[in-house]
Amino acid sequence: ATRGLDATTALRPRRGPAAPVRVDGEQVVVALPGRTVTLPAVAEPALRRLLDGPATPVELTVGGLDLEGALVLARRMLREGVVVPA
């Protein structure tokens, strides 16, 4: 799914319990079962938008995150299993 991801690919949160998100200084932390994912704090508004889903990467260009950063965030959350294609 990450290879075919582009600016208009719709994503939604995976079914099940929501992944808790917290800000820790200059980072935003996503708590997943058995591990955590750490991202720059600038990604927090986009991450929360993505977790509210469905959303496309172009819709994640909020809070100072540009399209390239939004695509990186979307790919990472796909790889981590936090979101799936809608």
N, C-alpha and C. Protein backbone atom coordinates (compact mmCIF):
# COMPACT_ATOMS: atom_id res chain seq x y z
N ALA A 1 0.81 -1.21 0.00
CA ALA A 1 0.00 0.00 0.00
C ALA A 1 0.85 1.26 0.00
N THR A 2 2.06 1.20 0.58
CA THR A 2 2.89 2.41 0.64
C THR A 2 3.42 2.79 -0.74
N ARG A 3 3.66 1.83 -1.60
CA ARG A 3 4.18 2.14 -2.94
C ARG A 3 3.19 2.91 -3.79
N GLY A 4 1.91 2.57 -3.69
CA GLY A 4 0.89 3.22 -4.48
C GLY A 4 0.33 4.48 -3.85
N LEU A 5 0.82 4.84 -2.67
CA LEU A 5 0.31 6.00 -1.95
C LEU A 5 0.66 7.28 -2.70
N ASP A 6 -0.34 8.14 -2.90
CA ASP A 6 -0.08 9.46 -3.45
C ASP A 6 -0.91 10.48 -2.67
N ALA A 7 -0.90 11.71 -3.11
CA ALA A 7 -1.54 12.79 -2.37
C ALA A 7 -3.04 12.61 -2.20
N THR A 8 -3.67 11.79 -3.06
CA THR A 8 -5.12 11.64 -3.00
C THR A 8 -5.58 10.28 -2.48
N THR A 9 -4.66 9.47 -1.99
CA THR A 9 -5.02 8.16 -1.44
C THR A 9 -5.73 8.34 -0.10
N ALA A 10 -6.95 7.84 0.00
CA ALA A 10 -7.71 7.96 1.24
C ALA A 10 -7.25 6.89 2.23
N LEU A 11 -7.05 7.31 3.47
CA LEU A 11 -6.62 6.43 4.55
C LEU A 11 -7.59 6.58 5.71
N ARG A 12 -7.72 5.51 6.48
CA ARG A 12 -8.56 5.56 7.68
C ARG A 12 -7.84 4.81 8.79
N PRO A 13 -8.17 5.14 10.03
CA PRO A 13 -7.57 4.40 11.14
C PRO A 13 -7.97 2.93 11.10
N ARG A 14 -7.06 2.08 11.51
CA ARG A 14 -7.37 0.65 11.62
C ARG A 14 -8.45 0.48 12.69
N ARG A 15 -9.33 -0.46 12.49
CA ARG A 15 -10.38 -0.73 13.47
C ARG A 15 -9.75 -1.22 14.77
N GLY A 16 -10.41 -0.94 15.86
CA GLY A 16 -9.91 -1.35 17.16
C GLY A 16 -9.63 -0.14 18.02
N PRO A 17 -8.98 -0.35 19.13
CA PRO A 17 -8.69 0.76 20.03
C PRO A 17 -7.82 1.82 19.35
N ALA A 18 -8.11 3.07 19.64
CA ALA A 18 -7.33 4.17 19.08
C ALA A 18 -5.93 4.18 19.66
N ALA A 19 -4.97 4.55 18.85
CA ALA A 19 -3.58 4.67 19.31
C ALA A 19 -3.45 5.99 20.07
N PRO A 20 -3.10 5.93 21.36
CA PRO A 20 -2.93 7.17 22.13
C PRO A 20 -1.79 8.02 21.57
N VAL A 21 -2.02 9.32 21.53
CA VAL A 21 -1.02 10.28 21.03
C VAL A 21 -0.75 11.28 22.14
N ARG A 22 0.54 11.57 22.36
CA ARG A 22 0.90 12.60 23.35
C ARG A 22 2.08 13.39 22.84
N VAL A 23 2.15 14.64 23.26
CA VAL A 23 3.27 15.49 22.91
C VAL A 23 4.27 15.43 24.05
N ASP A 24 5.53 15.23 23.71
CA ASP A 24 6.61 15.16 24.68
C ASP A 24 7.72 16.10 24.20
N GLY A 25 7.65 17.35 24.64
CA GLY A 25 8.64 18.33 24.21
C GLY A 25 8.52 18.62 22.72
N GLU A 26 9.56 18.34 21.99
CA GLU A 26 9.61 18.59 20.56
C GLU A 26 9.18 17.38 19.73
N GLN A 27 8.55 16.42 20.40
CA GLN A 27 8.15 15.20 19.71
C GLN A 27 6.69 14.88 20.00
N VAL A 28 6.09 14.14 19.09
CA VAL A 28 4.76 13.57 19.32
C VAL A 28 4.96 12.06 19.33
N VAL A 29 4.35 11.41 20.31
CA VAL A 29 4.56 9.99 20.53
C VAL A 29 3.23 9.25 20.33
N VAL A 30 3.27 8.20 19.53
CA VAL A 30 2.11 7.34 19.31
C VAL A 30 2.40 6.02 20.02
N ALA A 31 1.54 5.66 20.95
CA ALA A 31 1.72 4.41 21.70
C ALA A 31 1.01 3.28 20.98
N LEU A 32 1.78 2.29 20.57
CA LEU A 32 1.25 1.11 19.90
C LEU A 32 1.53 -0.10 20.78
N PRO A 33 0.81 -1.19 20.59
CA PRO A 33 1.08 -2.37 21.41
C PRO A 33 2.54 -2.83 21.26
N GLY A 34 3.27 -2.80 22.34
CA GLY A 34 4.65 -3.27 22.35
C GLY A 34 5.69 -2.31 21.83
N ARG A 35 5.30 -1.13 21.39
CA ARG A 35 6.29 -0.17 20.88
C ARG A 35 5.68 1.22 20.83
N THR A 36 6.54 2.21 20.61
CA THR A 36 6.09 3.58 20.41
C THR A 36 6.70 4.10 19.11
N VAL A 37 5.99 5.04 18.50
CA VAL A 37 6.48 5.72 17.31
C VAL A 37 6.66 7.17 17.68
N THR A 38 7.83 7.72 17.41
CA THR A 38 8.14 9.10 17.73
C THR A 38 8.29 9.90 16.45
N LEU A 39 7.62 11.05 16.41
CA LEU A 39 7.64 11.93 15.25
C LEU A 39 7.94 13.35 15.71
N PRO A 40 8.36 14.23 14.80
CA PRO A 40 8.52 15.64 15.18
C PRO A 40 7.18 16.24 15.58
N ALA A 41 7.19 17.14 16.55
CA ALA A 41 5.96 17.75 17.05
C ALA A 41 5.17 18.47 15.96
N VAL A 42 5.82 18.94 14.93
CA VAL A 42 5.12 19.62 13.84
C VAL A 42 4.11 18.69 13.17
N ALA A 43 4.28 17.39 13.31
CA ALA A 43 3.36 16.42 12.70
C ALA A 43 2.10 16.19 13.51
N GLU A 44 2.01 16.74 14.72
CA GLU A 44 0.86 16.44 15.59
C GLU A 44 -0.49 16.79 14.97
N PRO A 45 -0.72 18.00 14.43
CA PRO A 45 -2.03 18.29 13.86
C PRO A 45 -2.39 17.35 12.71
N ALA A 46 -1.43 17.03 11.87
CA ALA A 46 -1.68 16.12 10.75
C ALA A 46 -1.95 14.71 11.26
N LEU A 47 -1.23 14.27 12.25
CA LEU A 47 -1.43 12.94 12.82
C LEU A 47 -2.83 12.83 13.42
N ARG A 48 -3.24 13.83 14.16
CA ARG A 48 -4.58 13.80 14.76
C ARG A 48 -5.65 13.81 13.66
N ARG A 49 -5.44 14.57 12.60
CA ARG A 49 -6.39 14.58 11.47
C ARG A 49 -6.46 13.19 10.84
N LEU A 50 -5.31 12.57 10.65
CA LEU A 50 -5.25 11.24 10.07
C LEU A 50 -5.98 10.22 10.95
N LEU A 51 -5.78 10.32 12.25
CA LEU A 51 -6.42 9.37 13.17
C LEU A 51 -7.91 9.62 13.32
N ASP A 52 -8.38 10.82 12.95
CA ASP A 52 -9.82 11.09 12.92
C ASP A 52 -10.44 10.54 11.65
N GLY A 53 -9.62 10.35 10.59
CA GLY A 53 -9.90 9.81 9.28
C GLY A 53 -11.37 9.69 8.91
N PRO A 54 -11.64 9.37 7.68
CA PRO A 54 -10.63 9.17 6.64
C PRO A 54 -10.03 10.50 6.19
N ALA A 55 -8.82 10.40 5.66
CA ALA A 55 -8.10 11.58 5.19
C ALA A 55 -7.13 11.19 4.09
N THR A 56 -6.81 12.14 3.25
CA THR A 56 -5.79 11.94 2.22
C THR A 56 -4.55 12.72 2.64
N PRO A 57 -3.38 12.35 2.14
CA PRO A 57 -2.18 13.11 2.49
C PRO A 57 -2.30 14.61 2.20
N VAL A 58 -2.98 14.98 1.12
CA VAL A 58 -3.12 16.40 0.83
C VAL A 58 -3.91 17.11 1.94
N GLU A 59 -4.81 16.39 2.59
CA GLU A 59 -5.57 16.96 3.70
C GLU A 59 -4.76 17.04 4.99
N LEU A 60 -3.58 16.45 4.98
CA LEU A 60 -2.72 16.45 6.16
C LEU A 60 -1.72 17.60 6.16
N THR A 61 -1.82 18.48 5.19
CA THR A 61 -0.91 19.63 5.12
C THR A 61 -1.43 20.72 6.05
N VAL A 62 -1.33 20.45 7.34
CA VAL A 62 -1.77 21.37 8.39
C VAL A 62 -0.64 21.55 9.40
N GLY A 63 -0.70 22.63 10.14
CA GLY A 63 0.27 22.85 11.21
C GLY A 63 1.70 22.98 10.75
N GLY A 64 1.90 23.43 9.52
CA GLY A 64 3.26 23.62 9.03
C GLY A 64 3.83 22.43 8.29
N LEU A 65 3.08 21.35 8.17
CA LEU A 65 3.55 20.16 7.45
C LEU A 65 3.25 20.35 5.97
N ASP A 66 4.27 20.21 5.13
CA ASP A 66 4.06 20.32 3.69
C ASP A 66 3.65 18.98 3.12
N LEU A 67 3.37 18.93 1.81
CA LEU A 67 2.87 17.70 1.20
C LEU A 67 3.87 16.57 1.31
N GLU A 68 5.15 16.84 1.11
CA GLU A 68 6.16 15.79 1.23
C GLU A 68 6.17 15.21 2.64
N GLY A 69 6.09 16.08 3.65
CA GLY A 69 6.03 15.61 5.03
C GLY A 69 4.77 14.82 5.32
N ALA A 70 3.64 15.25 4.73
CA ALA A 70 2.38 14.54 4.90
C ALA A 70 2.45 13.15 4.28
N LEU A 71 3.12 13.03 3.14
CA LEU A 71 3.28 11.72 2.51
C LEU A 71 4.16 10.81 3.36
N VAL A 72 5.22 11.37 3.93
CA VAL A 72 6.10 10.60 4.82
C VAL A 72 5.31 10.11 6.03
N LEU A 73 4.52 10.99 6.62
CA LEU A 73 3.70 10.61 7.77
C LEU A 73 2.71 9.50 7.40
N ALA A 74 2.02 9.66 6.28
CA ALA A 74 1.04 8.66 5.85
C ALA A 74 1.71 7.30 5.61
N ARG A 75 2.86 7.31 4.94
CA ARG A 75 3.57 6.04 4.69
C ARG A 75 4.00 5.39 6.00
N ARG A 76 4.49 6.18 6.92
CA ARG A 76 4.94 5.64 8.20
C ARG A 76 3.78 5.01 8.97
N MET A 77 2.65 5.71 9.00
CA MET A 77 1.50 5.18 9.73
C MET A 77 0.93 3.93 9.03
N LEU A 78 1.04 3.86 7.71
CA LEU A 78 0.66 2.63 7.00
C LEU A 78 1.59 1.48 7.39
N ARG A 79 2.91 1.72 7.36
CA ARG A 79 3.87 0.68 7.71
C ARG A 79 3.69 0.20 9.14
N GLU A 80 3.35 1.12 10.03
CA GLU A 80 3.18 0.77 11.45
C GLU A 80 1.84 0.11 11.72
N GLY A 81 0.95 0.09 10.72
CA GLY A 81 -0.35 -0.53 10.91
C GLY A 81 -1.35 0.32 11.63
N VAL A 82 -1.09 1.62 11.75
CA VAL A 82 -2.00 2.53 12.44
C VAL A 82 -3.19 2.88 11.55
N VAL A 83 -2.93 3.02 10.25
CA VAL A 83 -3.99 3.32 9.28
C VAL A 83 -3.96 2.30 8.17
N VAL A 84 -5.05 2.23 7.42
CA VAL A 84 -5.18 1.34 6.26
C VAL A 84 -5.84 2.14 5.14
N PRO A 85 -5.71 1.67 3.89
CA PRO A 85 -6.42 2.36 2.81
C PRO A 85 -7.92 2.34 3.07
N ALA A 86 -8.56 3.46 2.79
CA ALA A 86 -10.02 3.57 3.03
C ALA A 86 -10.81 2.93 1.91
